C-alpha atoms as a PDB file:
ATOM      1  CA  MET A   1      13.694 171.178 165.918  1.00  0.00           C
ATOM      2  CA  ASP A   2      16.833 172.577 167.405  1.00  0.00           C
ATOM      3  CA  MET A   3      19.299 169.764 168.216  1.00  0.00           C
ATOM      4  CA  GLN A   4      21.110 171.939 170.751  1.00  0.00           C
ATOM      5  CA  THR A   5      17.867 172.426 172.692  1.00  0.00           C
ATOM      6  CA  VAL A   6      17.100 168.706 172.506  1.00  0.00           C
ATOM      7  CA  ALA A   7      20.597 167.916 173.805  1.00  0.00           C
ATOM      8  CA  SER A   8      20.225 170.401 176.681  1.00  0.00           C
ATOM      9  CA  LEU A   9      16.855 168.955 177.658  1.00  0.00           C
ATOM     10  CA  PHE A  10      18.238 165.410 177.414  1.00  0.00           C
ATOM     11  CA  THR A  11      20.980 166.438 179.856  1.00  0.00           C
ATOM     12  CA  LEU A  12      18.337 167.873 182.172  1.00  0.00           C
ATOM     13  CA  PHE A  13      16.181 164.724 182.053  1.00  0.00           C
ATOM     14  CA  SER A  14      18.915 162.080 182.172  1.00  0.00           C
ATOM     15  CA  GLY A  15      21.660 163.804 184.127  1.00  0.00           C
ATOM     16  CA  GLN A  16      24.063 162.601 181.430  1.00  0.00           C
ATOM     17  CA  GLN A  17      26.521 165.349 180.519  1.00  0.00           C
ATOM     18  CA  ASP A  18      28.116 163.461 177.608  1.00  0.00           C
ATOM     19  CA  THR A  19      25.617 164.159 174.841  1.00  0.00           C
ATOM     20  CA  GLN A  20      28.215 163.379 172.172  1.00  0.00           C
ATOM     21  CA  THR A  21      28.300 159.685 173.103  1.00  0.00           C
ATOM     22  CA  TYR A  22      24.518 159.479 173.085  1.00  0.00           C
ATOM     23  CA  GLY A  23      24.127 161.608 169.943  1.00  0.00           C
ATOM     24  CA  PRO A  24      22.621 158.692 167.965  1.00  0.00           C
ATOM     25  CA  LEU A  25      19.847 158.431 170.581  1.00  0.00           C
ATOM     26  CA  LEU A  26      19.104 162.134 170.163  1.00  0.00           C
ATOM     27  CA  THR A  27      19.116 161.876 166.373  1.00  0.00           C
ATOM     28  CA  ALA A  28      16.818 158.840 166.437  1.00  0.00           C
ATOM     29  CA  ALA A  29      14.406 160.560 168.828  1.00  0.00           C
ATOM     30  CA  VAL A  30      14.254 163.689 166.657  1.00  0.00           C
ATOM     31  CA  LEU A  31      13.647 161.518 163.585  1.00  0.00           C
ATOM     32  CA  GLU A  32      10.891 159.594 165.405  1.00  0.00           C
ATOM     33  CA  VAL A  33       9.139 162.819 166.367  1.00  0.00           C
ATOM     34  CA  THR A  34       9.576 164.338 162.899  1.00  0.00           C
ATOM     35  CA  GLN A  35       8.129 161.270 161.192  1.00  0.00           C
ATOM     36  CA  SER A  36       5.100 161.235 163.491  1.00  0.00           C
ATOM     37  CA  LEU A  37       4.095 164.847 162.769  1.00  0.00           C
ATOM     38  CA  ARG A  38       0.789 165.655 161.152  1.00  0.00           C
ATOM     39  CA  THR A  39       0.808 167.308 157.765  1.00  0.00           C
ATOM     40  CA  GLY A  40       1.201 171.053 158.233  1.00  0.00           C
ATOM     41  CA  ALA A  41       2.398 170.810 161.849  1.00  0.00           C
ATOM     42  CA  ASP A  42       4.912 173.419 162.958  1.00  0.00           C
ATOM     43  CA  VAL A  43       8.289 171.659 163.141  1.00  0.00           C
ATOM     44  CA  GLN A  44       9.704 174.558 165.165  1.00  0.00           C
ATOM     45  CA  ASP A  45       7.183 174.172 168.023  1.00  0.00           C
ATOM     46  CA  ALA A  46       9.203 174.094 171.255  1.00  0.00           C
ATOM     47  CA  ARG A  47       7.129 171.252 172.688  1.00  0.00           C
ATOM     48  CA  LEU A  48       8.598 168.891 170.102  1.00  0.00           C
ATOM     49  CA  CYS A  49      12.092 169.437 171.534  1.00  0.00           C
ATOM     50  CA  TYR A  50      10.808 168.335 174.931  1.00  0.00           C
ATOM     51  CA  LEU A  51       9.178 165.257 173.411  1.00  0.00           C
ATOM     52  CA  ALA A  52      12.333 164.300 171.505  1.00  0.00           C
ATOM     53  CA  ALA A  53      14.469 164.741 174.618  1.00  0.00           C
ATOM     54  CA  ALA A  54      12.030 162.681 176.694  1.00  0.00           C
ATOM     55  CA  LEU A  55      12.086 159.885 174.086  1.00  0.00           C
ATOM     56  CA  ALA A  56      15.893 159.961 174.010  1.00  0.00           C
ATOM     57  CA  ASN A  57      15.880 159.810 177.814  1.00  0.00           C
ATOM     58  CA  LEU A  58      13.554 156.790 177.687  1.00  0.00           C
ATOM     59  CA  ARG A  59      15.894 154.957 175.299  1.00  0.00           C
ATOM     60  CA  TYR A  60      18.900 155.973 177.416  1.00  0.00           C
ATOM     61  CA  THR A  61      17.196 154.644 180.554  1.00  0.00           C
ATOM     62  CA  GLN A  62      16.367 151.381 178.801  1.00  0.00           C
ATOM     63  CA  LEU A  63      19.967 150.968 177.612  1.00  0.00           C
ATOM     64  CA  THR A  64      21.612 151.802 180.910  1.00  0.00           C
ATOM     65  CA  GLY A  65      19.106 149.715 182.852  1.00  0.00           C
ATOM     66  CA  ALA A  66      19.853 146.692 180.704  1.00  0.00           C
ATOM     67  CA  ARG A  67      23.587 147.266 181.056  1.00  0.00           C
ATOM     68  CA  GLU A  68      23.420 147.713 184.846  1.00  0.00           C
ATOM     69  CA  HIS A  69      21.195 144.688 185.202  1.00  0.00           C
ATOM     70  CA  MET A  70      23.874 142.560 183.588  1.00  0.00           C
ATOM     71  CA  LEU A  71      26.726 143.878 185.748  1.00  0.00           C
ATOM     72  CA  ALA A  72      27.993 141.400 188.287  1.00  0.00           C
ATOM     73  CA  THR A  73      28.136 142.662 191.840  1.00  0.00           C
ATOM     74  CA  TYR A  74      30.407 141.546 194.638  1.00  0.00           C
ATOM     75  CA  ALA A  75      29.318 138.178 196.084  1.00  0.00           C
ATOM     76  CA  GLY A  76      26.073 138.311 194.111  1.00  0.00           C
ATOM     77  CA  THR A  77      24.604 141.175 196.108  1.00  0.00           C
ATOM     78  CA  ALA A  78      22.310 143.686 194.487  1.00  0.00           C
ATOM     79  CA  ALA A  79      23.487 147.225 193.887  1.00  0.00           C
ATOM     80  CA  VAL A  80      21.487 149.456 196.215  1.00  0.00           C
ATOM     81  CA  SER A  81      21.870 152.613 194.136  1.00  0.00           C
ATOM     82  CA  VAL A  82      20.206 151.083 191.083  1.00  0.00           C
ATOM     83  CA  ASP A  83      16.452 151.416 190.877  1.00  0.00           C
ATOM     84  CA  GLU A  84      15.805 150.328 187.300  1.00  0.00           C
ATOM     85  CA  LYS A  85      12.034 149.980 187.524  1.00  0.00           C
ATOM     86  CA  GLY A  86      11.586 153.368 189.168  1.00  0.00           C
ATOM     87  CA  ARG A  87      13.783 155.190 186.655  1.00  0.00           C
ATOM     88  CA  LEU A  88      12.224 153.389 183.698  1.00  0.00           C
ATOM     89  CA  GLY A  89       8.707 154.100 184.947  1.00  0.00           C
ATOM     90  CA  PHE A  90       9.540 157.765 185.395  1.00  0.00           C
ATOM     91  CA  ALA A  91      11.087 157.956 181.903  1.00  0.00           C
ATOM     92  CA  GLN A  92       7.990 156.312 180.390  1.00  0.00           C
ATOM     93  CA  ARG A  93       5.628 158.679 182.206  1.00  0.00           C
ATOM     94  CA  LEU A  94       7.733 161.666 181.159  1.00  0.00           C
ATOM     95  CA  ALA A  95       7.652 160.623 177.495  1.00  0.00           C
ATOM     96  CA  GLU A  96       3.910 159.961 177.605  1.00  0.00           C
ATOM     97  CA  GLY A  97       3.301 163.315 179.269  1.00  0.00           C
ATOM     98  CA  TYR A  98       5.136 165.177 176.537  1.00  0.00           C
ATOM     99  CA  ARG A  99       3.461 163.044 173.853  1.00  0.00           C
ATOM    100  CA  SER A 100       0.123 164.099 175.333  1.00  0.00           C
ATOM    101  CA  LEU A 101       1.240 167.725 175.351  1.00  0.00           C
ATOM    102  CA  CYS A 102       2.045 167.464 171.623  1.00  0.00           C
ATOM    103  CA  ARG A 103      -1.075 165.499 170.627  1.00  0.00           C
ATOM    104  CA  GLU A 104      -2.423 168.148 168.241  1.00  0.00           C
ATOM    105  CA  LEU A 105       0.899 168.141 166.380  1.00  0.00           C
ATOM    106  CA  LEU A 106       1.208 164.349 166.052  1.00  0.00           C
ATOM    107  CA  GLN A 107      -0.619 161.881 163.861  1.00  0.00           C
ATOM    108  CA  ASP A 108      -3.272 159.833 165.595  1.00  0.00           C
ATOM    109  CA  THR A 109      -1.999 156.254 165.633  1.00  0.00           C
ATOM    110  CA  ALA A 110      -5.004 154.748 167.411  1.00  0.00           C
ATOM    111  CA  PHE A 111      -6.674 151.936 165.509  1.00  0.00           C
ATOM    112  CA  VAL A 112     -10.405 151.414 165.792  1.00  0.00           C
ATOM    113  CA  PHE A 113     -12.048 148.337 164.313  1.00  0.00           C
ATOM    114  CA  LEU A 114     -15.755 148.727 163.657  1.00  0.00           C
ATOM    115  CA  THR A 115     -18.231 146.419 161.997  1.00  0.00           C
ATOM    116  CA  VAL A 116     -21.416 147.230 160.197  1.00  0.00           C
ATOM    117  CA  GLY A 117     -24.351 144.993 160.906  1.00  0.00           C
ATOM    118  CA  GLY A 118     -24.665 142.332 163.528  1.00  0.00           C
ATOM    119  CA  TRP A 119     -23.845 138.688 164.041  1.00  0.00           C
ATOM    120  CA  GLY A 120     -27.192 137.786 162.526  1.00  0.00           C
ATOM    121  CA  ASP A 121     -25.934 138.893 159.110  1.00  0.00           C
ATOM    122  CA  VAL A 122     -23.230 136.183 159.022  1.00  0.00           C
ATOM    123  CA  GLN A 123     -24.313 132.965 157.319  1.00  0.00           C
END
């Protein structure tokens, strides 16, 4: 994955121009995507850059939402410009959309528990 592309996409998704400050988020997102790849998957697939940027944007949204939630406002009023739930929901849907787009490149993490036989076999 190209870190410059991931940083550009992160800027597009988050609106945050300072990618240097949030570099650890980008690095962690790229590592998360790289570790979840299937064996033999193409690491240079462009879709993975979008997924990494969307994951970094999700973490960024979670961090800034938590920080803004804790900020005190004048006389206890709520800040009108902050819509934490809407931004977080959008960031989650964006990340899930790109994860779905990359599904053939990523390991399947679904867990299915099956039993053989029926309850009548238990004694």
